[in-house]
């Protein structure tokens, strides 16, 4: 991907960390859809190599993913709370590494389906002391919202 492509990513659109079938780099925007294909593109965009690898690992361990591409398959998350806490951590790290230029959002237990809806979002604005119990409560609320549709 070229620098011109990166320059076209509008900071007014949130960037979602969200599962997707056969997606190695699970970052999406309403402007472009899937933003990156390879973890190396994250480094070119401005993330550290360590964070790029962690984002790719999170996507690779996604429960909504079938057979992976080049990355192979890693062990799935032990619990939904473990996955969600890691997602929250990644959103914070992404925001910090890009000096809060973009808004990164994580929607627990909700694969990407397009533009945001009324499903609750967990974003980098959360208190850093979010607990696994709070994540479980948010997941129950999210499931109830989705099931009510």
Protein backbone atom coordinates (compact mmCIF):
# COMPACT_ATOMS: atom_id res chain seq x y z
CA UNK A 1 0.00 0.00 0.00
CA UNK A 2 1.19 3.46 -0.80
CA UNK A 3 1.52 6.55 1.35
CA UNK A 4 -1.28 8.07 -0.73
CA UNK A 5 -3.62 5.31 0.44
CA UNK A 6 -2.67 5.93 4.07
CA UNK A 7 -3.22 9.67 3.58
CA UNK A 8 -6.77 8.92 2.35
CA UNK A 9 -7.73 7.25 5.66
CA UNK A 10 -9.90 9.97 7.14
CA UNK A 11 -9.44 10.45 10.91
CA UNK A 12 -13.11 11.47 11.22
CA UNK A 13 -14.11 7.82 10.58
CA UNK A 14 -13.61 5.41 13.52
CA UNK A 15 -11.37 2.42 12.88
CA UNK A 16 -12.88 -0.80 14.24
CA UNK A 17 -11.00 -3.77 15.62
CA UNK A 18 -13.40 -6.54 14.70
CA UNK A 19 -13.44 -10.18 13.62
CA UNK A 20 -13.81 -11.25 10.04
CA UNK A 21 -13.58 -14.53 8.16
CA UNK A 22 -10.15 -15.05 6.63
CA UNK A 23 -8.92 -11.61 7.73
CA UNK A 24 -5.35 -11.44 9.03
CA UNK A 25 -5.43 -7.76 10.00
CA UNK A 26 -8.90 -7.08 11.47
CA UNK A 27 -9.11 -3.26 11.20
CA UNK A 28 -12.09 -1.79 9.36
CA UNK A 29 -13.52 1.65 8.60
CA UNK A 30 -16.82 2.83 7.20
CA UNK A 31 -14.82 4.77 4.61
CA UNK A 32 -12.77 1.90 3.12
CA UNK A 33 -13.99 -1.35 4.70
CA UNK A 34 -11.03 -3.62 5.44
CA UNK A 35 -8.03 -1.28 5.76
CA UNK A 36 -5.01 -3.60 5.70
CA UNK A 37 -4.21 -7.03 4.32
CA UNK A 38 -0.75 -7.78 5.75
CA UNK A 39 0.73 -6.96 9.17
CA UNK A 40 3.63 -5.20 7.42
CA UNK A 41 1.15 -2.59 6.19
CA UNK A 42 0.42 -1.67 9.80
CA UNK A 43 4.11 -0.84 10.29
CA UNK A 44 4.11 1.29 7.14
CA UNK A 45 1.00 3.06 8.52
CA UNK A 46 2.89 3.97 11.70
CA UNK A 47 2.45 1.15 14.24
CA UNK A 48 5.42 -0.54 15.87
CA UNK A 49 6.30 -4.03 14.63
CA UNK A 50 5.34 -5.40 18.06
CA UNK A 51 1.87 -3.85 17.97
CA UNK A 52 1.35 -4.94 14.34
CA UNK A 53 2.16 -8.52 15.35
CA UNK A 54 -0.21 -8.32 18.33
CA UNK A 55 -3.06 -7.01 16.14
CA UNK A 56 -2.50 -9.83 13.64
CA UNK A 57 -2.39 -12.40 16.47
CA UNK A 58 -5.71 -11.08 17.85
CA UNK A 59 -7.30 -11.47 14.41
CA UNK A 60 -5.80 -14.89 13.92
CA UNK A 61 -7.24 -16.14 17.20
CA UNK A 62 -10.69 -14.85 16.30
CA UNK A 63 -13.53 -17.33 16.86
CA UNK A 64 -15.21 -16.17 13.63
CA UNK A 65 -12.30 -17.08 11.43
CA UNK A 66 -12.04 -20.14 9.24
CA UNK A 67 -8.74 -21.30 7.75
CA UNK A 68 -6.16 -18.50 7.89
CA UNK A 69 -3.90 -17.23 5.15
CA UNK A 70 -0.14 -16.95 5.59
CA UNK A 71 -0.21 -16.54 9.35
CA UNK A 72 -1.45 -20.02 10.22
CA UNK A 73 -3.82 -20.76 13.11
CA UNK A 74 -3.00 -20.07 16.75
CA UNK A 75 -4.81 -21.37 19.77
CA UNK A 76 -8.20 -19.67 20.29
CA UNK A 77 -8.93 -17.46 23.27
CA UNK A 78 -9.62 -19.36 26.50
CA UNK A 79 -12.58 -17.10 27.30
CA UNK A 80 -14.54 -14.26 25.74
CA UNK A 81 -13.34 -11.99 28.57
CA UNK A 82 -9.68 -12.76 27.70
CA UNK A 83 -10.36 -11.83 24.06
CA UNK A 84 -12.21 -8.67 25.02
CA UNK A 85 -9.58 -7.48 27.47
CA UNK A 86 -6.91 -8.00 24.81
CA UNK A 87 -9.06 -6.09 22.29
CA UNK A 88 -9.40 -3.16 24.69
CA UNK A 89 -5.65 -3.17 25.28
CA UNK A 90 -4.98 -3.14 21.52
CA UNK A 91 -7.36 -0.20 20.99
CA UNK A 92 -5.54 1.81 23.67
CA UNK A 93 -2.12 0.94 22.26
CA UNK A 94 -3.16 1.84 18.70
CA UNK A 95 -4.46 5.21 19.87
CA UNK A 96 -1.30 5.92 21.84
CA UNK A 97 1.11 4.90 19.08
CA UNK A 98 -0.60 7.17 16.54
CA UNK A 99 -0.88 10.06 19.03
CA UNK A 100 -4.69 9.85 19.13
CA UNK A 101 -5.01 10.99 15.50
CA UNK A 102 -7.62 8.27 14.87
CA UNK A 103 -10.47 6.90 16.97
CA UNK A 104 -10.06 3.15 17.43
CA UNK A 105 -13.10 1.18 18.54
CA UNK A 106 -13.62 -2.37 19.78
CA UNK A 107 -17.11 -3.88 19.83
CA UNK A 108 -17.07 -7.01 22.01
CA UNK A 109 -18.68 -10.20 20.70
CA UNK A 110 -19.79 -8.49 17.52
CA UNK A 111 -18.13 -9.24 14.15
CA UNK A 112 -17.87 -6.42 11.65
CA UNK A 113 -21.06 -6.02 9.64
CA UNK A 114 -20.68 -2.51 8.31
CA UNK A 115 -21.34 0.95 9.73
CA UNK A 116 -21.90 1.27 13.49
CA UNK A 117 -25.36 0.63 14.86
CA UNK A 118 -26.85 1.04 18.30
CA UNK A 119 -24.72 -1.80 19.72
CA UNK A 120 -22.59 -0.52 22.62
CA UNK A 121 -18.96 0.19 21.80
CA UNK A 122 -15.82 -0.11 23.88
CA UNK A 123 -13.32 2.49 22.77
CA UNK A 124 -10.05 4.00 23.85
CA UNK A 125 -12.07 6.41 26.04
CA UNK A 126 -12.70 3.65 28.61
CA UNK A 127 -11.28 3.79 32.08
CA UNK A 128 -8.03 1.77 32.07
CA UNK A 129 -9.22 -0.22 35.07
CA UNK A 130 -11.90 -2.16 33.17
CA UNK A 131 -12.34 -5.57 34.78
CA UNK A 132 -13.27 -8.94 33.33
CA UNK A 133 -16.61 -8.72 35.20
CA UNK A 134 -17.39 -5.42 33.49
CA UNK A 135 -16.52 -6.93 30.11
CA UNK A 136 -18.82 -9.87 30.82
CA UNK A 137 -21.62 -7.42 31.73
CA UNK A 138 -21.05 -5.47 28.48
CA UNK A 139 -21.07 -8.72 26.50
CA UNK A 140 -24.41 -9.74 28.02
CA UNK A 141 -25.82 -6.32 27.18
CA UNK A 142 -24.46 -6.50 23.63
CA UNK A 143 -25.88 -9.99 23.07
CA UNK A 144 -29.28 -8.84 24.36
CA UNK A 145 -29.21 -5.83 22.00
CA UNK A 146 -28.33 -8.02 19.01
CA UNK A 147 -30.92 -10.68 19.90
CA UNK A 148 -33.63 -8.02 20.27
CA UNK A 149 -33.22 -6.98 16.61
